[in-house]
C-alpha cells in the first residue's frame, strides 16, 4: 500500500521497495505521473541517458545467442 504524506508543504509517496528494486530504479531515476481518461494513474520512468544505457545493456546481453 502507498500512503500520501505531507512534508514541508509538499505531498509525497513512498514506493514499495520490491517494486523499486525490480524496476532497477534508484535516487537518480526520474518518474512522471500520468492520468488516463478513465482516471487510472500511471507511473512512468522518464527517458534519460540512464534509461538509454539500461536498454543498450539489455540488448547487448540478449542480442546474440552465438548461432549463425
PDB file of N, CA and C in Angstrom:
ATOM      1  N   UNK A   1       0.841  -1.171   0.000  1.00  0.00           N
ATOM      2  CA  UNK A   1       0.000   0.000   0.000  1.00  0.00           C
ATOM      3  C   UNK A   1       0.894   1.244   0.000  1.00  0.00           C
ATOM      4  N   UNK A   2       0.429   2.275  -0.668  1.00  0.00           N
ATOM      5  CA  UNK A   2       1.149   3.539  -0.739  1.00  0.00           C
ATOM      6  C   UNK A   2       0.323   4.592  -0.009  1.00  0.00           C
ATOM      7  N   UNK A   3       0.964   5.366   0.841  1.00  0.00           N
ATOM      8  CA  UNK A   3       0.292   6.444   1.565  1.00  0.00           C
ATOM      9  C   UNK A   3       0.797   7.784   1.078  1.00  0.00           C
ATOM     10  N   UNK A   4      -0.080   8.775   1.103  1.00  0.00           N
ATOM     11  CA  UNK A   4       0.304  10.149   0.786  1.00  0.00           C
ATOM     12  C   UNK A   4       0.645  10.840   2.099  1.00  0.00           C
ATOM     13  N   UNK A   5       1.818  11.473   2.137  1.00  0.00           N
ATOM     14  CA  UNK A   5       2.295  12.150   3.339  1.00  0.00           C
ATOM     15  C   UNK A   5       2.592  13.600   2.994  1.00  0.00           C
ATOM     16  N   UNK A   6       2.218  14.518   3.879  1.00  0.00           N
ATOM     17  CA  UNK A   6       2.545  15.930   3.686  1.00  0.00           C
ATOM     18  C   UNK A   6       3.846  16.211   4.418  1.00  0.00           C
ATOM     19  N   UNK A   7       4.819  16.800   3.695  1.00  0.00           N
ATOM     20  CA  UNK A   7       6.117  17.115   4.269  1.00  0.00           C
ATOM     21  C   UNK A   7       6.561  18.457   3.716  1.00  0.00           C
ATOM     22  N   UNK A   8       6.719  19.437   4.595  1.00  0.00           N
ATOM     23  CA  UNK A   8       7.152  20.776   4.190  1.00  0.00           C
ATOM     24  C   UNK A   8       6.329  21.309   3.013  1.00  0.00           C
ATOM     25  N   UNK A   9       5.029  21.244   3.162  1.00  0.00           N
ATOM     26  CA  UNK A   9       4.076  21.769   2.182  1.00  0.00           C
ATOM     27  C   UNK A   9       4.118  21.053   0.829  1.00  0.00           C
ATOM     28  N   UNK A  10       4.663  19.841   0.792  1.00  0.00           N
ATOM     29  CA  UNK A  10       4.653  19.017  -0.415  1.00  0.00           C
ATOM     30  C   UNK A  10       4.007  17.684  -0.084  1.00  0.00           C
ATOM     31  N   UNK A  11       3.370  17.093  -1.081  1.00  0.00           N
ATOM     32  CA  UNK A  11       2.808  15.760  -0.923  1.00  0.00           C
ATOM     33  C   UNK A  11       3.824  14.756  -1.434  1.00  0.00           C
ATOM     34  N   UNK A  12       4.027  13.674  -0.677  1.00  0.00           N
ATOM     35  CA  UNK A  12       4.997  12.654  -1.042  1.00  0.00           C
ATOM     36  C   UNK A  12       4.379  11.276  -0.903  1.00  0.00           C
ATOM     37  N   UNK A  13       4.879  10.366  -1.706  1.00  0.00           N
ATOM     38  CA  UNK A  13       4.510   8.963  -1.555  1.00  0.00           C
ATOM     39  C   UNK A  13       5.790   8.152  -1.457  1.00  0.00           C
ATOM     40  N   UNK A  14       5.692   6.994  -0.830  1.00  0.00           N
ATOM     41  CA  UNK A  14       6.804   6.064  -0.756  1.00  0.00           C
ATOM     42  C   UNK A  14       6.435   4.849  -1.583  1.00  0.00           C
ATOM     43  N   UNK A  15       7.320   4.493  -2.500  1.00  0.00           N
ATOM     44  CA  UNK A  15       7.080   3.335  -3.353  1.00  0.00           C
ATOM     45  C   UNK A  15       7.573   2.072  -2.662  1.00  0.00           C
ATOM     46  N   UNK A  16       6.889   0.954  -2.880  1.00  0.00           N
ATOM     47  CA  UNK A  16       7.342  -0.299  -2.268  1.00  0.00           C
ATOM     48  C   UNK A  16       8.758  -0.649  -2.721  1.00  0.00           C
ATOM     49  N   UNK A  17       9.584  -1.049  -1.774  1.00  0.00           N
ATOM     50  CA  UNK A  17      10.989  -1.356  -2.043  1.00  0.00           C
ATOM     51  C   UNK A  17      11.148  -2.438  -3.115  1.00  0.00           C
ATOM     52  N   UNK A  18      10.303  -3.478  -3.065  1.00  0.00           N
ATOM     53  CA  UNK A  18      10.420  -4.559  -4.041  1.00  0.00           C
ATOM     54  C   UNK A  18      10.126  -4.072  -5.466  1.00  0.00           C
ATOM     55  N   UNK A  19       9.211  -3.123  -5.621  1.00  0.00           N
ATOM     56  CA  UNK A  19       8.921  -2.550  -6.933  1.00  0.00           C
ATOM     57  C   UNK A  19      10.126  -1.760  -7.449  1.00  0.00           C
ATOM     58  N   UNK A  20      10.687  -0.918  -6.587  1.00  0.00           N
ATOM     59  CA  UNK A  20      11.838  -0.086  -6.970  1.00  0.00           C
ATOM     60  C   UNK A  20      13.015  -0.963  -7.386  1.00  0.00           C
ATOM     61  N   UNK A  21      13.288  -2.003  -6.625  1.00  0.00           N
ATOM     62  CA  UNK A  21      14.401  -2.902  -6.953  1.00  0.00           C
ATOM     63  C   UNK A  21      14.127  -3.662  -8.249  1.00  0.00           C
ATOM     64  N   UNK A  22      12.908  -4.145  -8.418  1.00  0.00           N
ATOM     65  CA  UNK A  22      12.554  -4.907  -9.621  1.00  0.00           C
ATOM     66  C   UNK A  22      12.692  -4.058 -10.887  1.00  0.00           C
ATOM     67  N   UNK A  23      12.392  -2.773 -10.782  1.00  0.00           N
ATOM     68  CA  UNK A  23      12.491  -1.871 -11.927  1.00  0.00           C
ATOM     69  C   UNK A  23      13.903  -1.346 -12.127  1.00  0.00           C
ATOM     70  N   UNK A  24      14.795  -1.569 -11.149  1.00  0.00           N
ATOM     71  CA  UNK A  24      16.162  -1.077 -11.255  1.00  0.00           C
ATOM     72  C   UNK A  24      16.274   0.425 -11.029  1.00  0.00           C
ATOM     73  N   UNK A  25      15.312   0.988 -10.318  1.00  0.00           N
ATOM     74  CA  UNK A  25      15.314   2.422 -10.048  1.00  0.00           C
ATOM     75  C   UNK A  25      16.213   2.734  -8.863  1.00  0.00           C
ATOM     76  N   UNK A  26      16.695   3.983  -8.815  1.00  0.00           N
ATOM     77  CA  UNK A  26      17.446   4.471  -7.666  1.00  0.00           C
ATOM     78  C   UNK A  26      17.115   5.950  -7.481  1.00  0.00           C
ATOM     79  N   UNK A  27      17.884   6.617  -6.638  1.00  0.00           N
ATOM     80  CA  UNK A  27      17.567   8.015  -6.315  1.00  0.00           C
ATOM     81  C   UNK A  27      17.753   8.964  -7.501  1.00  0.00           C
ATOM     82  N   UNK A  28      18.398   8.505  -8.573  1.00  0.00           N
ATOM     83  CA  UNK A  28      18.572   9.356  -9.760  1.00  0.00           C
ATOM     84  C   UNK A  28      17.475   9.158 -10.797  1.00  0.00           C
ATOM     85  N   UNK A  29      16.607   8.178 -10.577  1.00  0.00           N
ATOM     86  CA  UNK A  29      15.545   7.882 -11.531  1.00  0.00           C
ATOM     87  C   UNK A  29      14.485   8.976 -11.499  1.00  0.00           C
ATOM     88  N   UNK A  30      14.089   9.445 -12.689  1.00  0.00           N
ATOM     89  CA  UNK A  30      13.030  10.446 -12.782  1.00  0.00           C
ATOM     90  C   UNK A  30      11.754   9.761 -13.256  1.00  0.00           C
ATOM     91  N   UNK A  31      10.679   9.984 -12.494  1.00  0.00           N
ATOM     92  CA  UNK A  31       9.386   9.371 -12.780  1.00  0.00           C
ATOM     93  C   UNK A  31       8.357  10.455 -13.065  1.00  0.00           C
ATOM     94  N   UNK A  32       7.338  10.089 -13.830  1.00  0.00           N
ATOM     95  CA  UNK A  32       6.257  11.022 -14.141  1.00  0.00           C
ATOM     96  C   UNK A  32       4.925  10.311 -13.896  1.00  0.00           C
ATOM     97  N   UNK A  33       3.991  11.037 -13.295  1.00  0.00           N
ATOM     98  CA  UNK A  33       2.637  10.537 -13.123  1.00  0.00           C
ATOM     99  C   UNK A  33       1.796  10.998 -14.299  1.00  0.00           C
ATOM    100  N   UNK A  34       1.049  10.070 -14.872  1.00  0.00           N
ATOM    101  CA  UNK A  34       0.122  10.383 -15.956  1.00  0.00           C
ATOM    102  C   UNK A  34      -1.260   9.914 -15.541  1.00  0.00           C
ATOM    103  N   UNK A  35      -2.285  10.582 -16.040  1.00  0.00           N
ATOM    104  CA  UNK A  35      -3.650  10.164 -15.752  1.00  0.00           C
ATOM    105  C   UNK A  35      -4.335   9.762 -17.044  1.00  0.00           C
ATOM    106  N   UNK A  36      -4.825   8.526 -17.089  1.00  0.00           N
ATOM    107  CA  UNK A  36      -5.555   8.018 -18.245  1.00  0.00           C
ATOM    108  C   UNK A  36      -6.969   8.613 -18.239  1.00  0.00           C
ATOM    109  N   UNK A  37      -7.647   8.589 -19.384  1.00  0.00           N
ATOM    110  CA  UNK A  37      -9.008   9.147 -19.455  1.00  0.00           C
ATOM    111  C   UNK A  37      -9.982   8.551 -18.436  1.00  0.00           C
ATOM    112  N   UNK A  38      -9.753   7.289 -18.040  1.00  0.00           N
ATOM    113  CA  UNK A  38     -10.655   6.660 -17.060  1.00  0.00           C
ATOM    114  C   UNK A  38     -10.271   6.976 -15.616  1.00  0.00           C
ATOM    115  N   UNK A  39      -9.219   7.808 -15.427  1.00  0.00           N
ATOM    116  CA  UNK A  39      -8.804   8.188 -14.087  1.00  0.00           C
ATOM    117  C   UNK A  39      -7.682   7.347 -13.512  1.00  0.00           C
ATOM    118  N   UNK A  40      -7.285   6.296 -14.215  1.00  0.00           N
ATOM    119  CA  UNK A  40      -6.182   5.463 -13.771  1.00  0.00           C
ATOM    120  C   UNK A  40      -4.895   6.278 -13.753  1.00  0.00           C
ATOM    121  N   UNK A  41      -4.124   6.138 -12.686  1.00  0.00           N
ATOM    122  CA  UNK A  41      -2.844   6.830 -12.564  1.00  0.00           C
ATOM    123  C   UNK A  41      -1.740   5.893 -13.049  1.00  0.00           C
ATOM    124  N   UNK A  42      -0.878   6.410 -13.921  1.00  0.00           N
ATOM    125  CA  UNK A  42       0.227   5.640 -14.489  1.00  0.00           C
ATOM    126  C   UNK A  42       1.528   6.290 -14.040  1.00  0.00           C
ATOM    127  N   UNK A  43       2.434   5.478 -13.530  1.00  0.00           N
ATOM    128  CA  UNK A  43       3.753   5.945 -13.125  1.00  0.00           C
ATOM    129  C   UNK A  43       4.728   5.488 -14.204  1.00  0.00           C
ATOM    130  N   UNK A  44       5.380   6.437 -14.864  1.00  0.00           N
ATOM    131  CA  UNK A  44       6.262   6.112 -15.986  1.00  0.00           C
ATOM    132  C   UNK A  44       7.656   6.667 -15.742  1.00  0.00           C
ATOM    133  N   UNK A  45       8.670   5.833 -16.022  1.00  0.00           N
ATOM    134  CA  UNK A  45      10.055   6.281 -15.925  1.00  0.00           C
ATOM    135  C   UNK A  45      10.346   7.196 -17.114  1.00  0.00           C
ATOM    136  N   UNK A  46      10.942   8.343 -16.816  1.00  0.00           N
ATOM    137  CA  UNK A  46      11.290   9.301 -17.857  1.00  0.00           C
ATOM    138  C   UNK A  46      12.505   8.797 -18.627  1.00  0.00           C
ATOM    139  N   UNK A  47      12.502   9.019 -19.931  1.00  0.00           N
ATOM    140  CA  UNK A  47      13.658   8.665 -20.746  1.00  0.00           C
ATOM    141  C   UNK A  47      14.805   9.590 -20.375  1.00  0.00           C
ATOM    142  N   UNK A  48      15.944   9.019 -20.142  1.00  0.00           N
ATOM    143  CA  UNK A  48      17.133   9.796 -19.794  1.00  0.00           C
ATOM    144  C   UNK A  48      18.339   9.026 -20.291  1.00  0.00           C
ATOM    145  N   UNK A  49      19.497   9.593 -20.124  1.00  0.00           N
ATOM    146  CA  UNK A  49      20.720   8.888 -20.515  1.00  0.00           C
ATOM    147  C   UNK A  49      20.824   7.575 -19.751  1.00  0.00           C
ATOM    148  N   UNK A  50      20.402   7.584 -18.500  1.00  0.00           N
ATOM    149  CA  UNK A  50      20.459   6.391 -17.660  1.00  0.00           C
ATOM    150  C   UNK A  50      19.583   5.272 -18.224  1.00  0.00           C
ATOM    151  N   UNK A  51      18.336   5.602 -18.618  1.00  0.00           N
ATOM    152  CA  UNK A  51      17.449   4.573 -19.144  1.00  0.00           C
ATOM    153  C   UNK A  51      17.911   4.095 -20.513  1.00  0.00           C
ATOM    154  N   UNK A  52      18.472   4.983 -21.304  1.00  0.00           N
ATOM    155  CA  UNK A  52      19.007   4.582 -22.602  1.00  0.00           C
ATOM    156  C   UNK A  52      20.162   3.604 -22.408  1.00  0.00           C
ATOM    157  N   UNK A  53      21.023   3.849 -21.420  1.00  0.00           N
ATOM    158  CA  UNK A  53      22.139   2.940 -21.132  1.00  0.00           C
ATOM    159  C   UNK A  53      21.628   1.579 -20.674  1.00  0.00           C
ATOM    160  N   UNK A  54      20.566   1.558 -19.855  1.00  0.00           N
ATOM    161  CA  UNK A  54      19.989   0.300 -19.402  1.00  0.00           C
ATOM    162  C   UNK A  54      19.468  -0.501 -20.592  1.00  0.00           C
ATOM    163  N   UNK A  55      18.787   0.169 -21.529  1.00  0.00           N
ATOM    164  CA  UNK A  55      18.255  -0.515 -22.713  1.00  0.00           C
ATOM    165  C   UNK A  55      19.382  -1.078 -23.567  1.00  0.00           C
ATOM    166  N   UNK A  56      20.435  -0.310 -23.749  1.00  0.00           N
ATOM    167  CA  UNK A  56      21.579  -0.758 -24.547  1.00  0.00           C
ATOM    168  C   UNK A  56      22.235  -1.978 -23.905  1.00  0.00           C
ATOM    169  N   UNK A  57      22.366  -1.976 -22.578  1.00  0.00           N
ATOM    170  CA  UNK A  57      22.964  -3.116 -21.875  1.00  0.00           C
ATOM    171  C   UNK A  57      22.113  -4.371 -22.037  1.00  0.00           C
ATOM    172  N   UNK A  58      20.786  -4.228 -21.983  1.00  0.00           N
ATOM    173  CA  UNK A  58      19.901  -5.382 -22.158  1.00  0.00           C
ATOM    174  C   UNK A  58      20.053  -5.958 -23.558  1.00  0.00           C
ATOM    175  N   UNK A  59      20.140  -5.092 -24.568  1.00  0.00           N
ATOM    176  CA  UNK A  59      20.304  -5.563 -25.944  1.00  0.00           C
ATOM    177  C   UNK A  59      21.615  -6.318 -26.105  1.00  0.00           C
ATOM    178  N   UNK A  60      22.692  -5.808 -25.495  1.00  0.00           N
ATOM    179  CA  UNK A  60      23.994  -6.456 -25.609  1.00  0.00           C
ATOM    180  C   UNK A  60      23.985  -7.828 -24.945  1.00  0.00           C
ATOM    181  N   UNK A  61      23.307  -7.942 -23.808  1.00  0.00           N
ATOM    182  CA  UNK A  61      23.265  -9.220 -23.087  1.00  0.00           C
ATOM    183  C   UNK A  61      22.423 -10.261 -23.815  1.00  0.00           C
ATOM    184  N   UNK A  62      21.320  -9.838 -24.399  1.00  0.00           N
ATOM    185  CA  UNK A  62      20.411 -10.785 -25.023  1.00  0.00           C
ATOM    186  C   UNK A  62      20.421 -10.740 -26.543  1.00  0.00           C
ATOM    187  N   UNK A  63      21.220  -9.879 -27.122  1.00  0.00           N
ATOM    188  CA  UNK A  63      21.175  -9.669 -28.558  1.00  0.00           C
ATOM    189  C   UNK A  63      21.839 -10.745 -29.390  1.00  0.00           C
ATOM    190  N   UNK A  64      22.753 -11.501 -28.836  1.00  0.00           N
ATOM    191  CA  UNK A  64      23.466 -12.508 -29.606  1.00  0.00           C
ATOM    192  C   UNK A  64      23.434 -13.826 -28.845  1.00  0.00           C
ATOM    193  N   UNK A  65      22.984 -14.877 -29.543  1.00  0.00           N
ATOM    194  CA  UNK A  65      22.931 -16.173 -28.889  1.00  0.00           C
ATOM    195  C   UNK A  65      24.024 -17.114 -29.376  1.00  0.00           C
ATOM    196  N   UNK A  66      24.926 -16.615 -30.240  1.00  0.00           N
ATOM    197  CA  UNK A  66      26.049 -17.411 -30.698  1.00  0.00           C
ATOM    198  C   UNK A  66      25.755 -18.255 -31.919  1.00  0.00           C
ATOM    199  N   UNK A  67      24.493 -18.326 -32.362  1.00  0.00           N
ATOM    200  CA  UNK A  67      24.122 -19.105 -33.534  1.00  0.00           C
ATOM    201  C   UNK A  67      24.344 -18.315 -34.800  1.00  0.00           C
ATOM    202  N   UNK A  68      24.715 -19.013 -35.885  1.00  0.00           N
ATOM    203  CA  UNK A  68      24.875 -18.356 -37.166  1.00  0.00           C
ATOM    204  C   UNK A  68      24.087 -19.033 -38.227  1.00  0.00           C
TER     205      UNK A  68
END
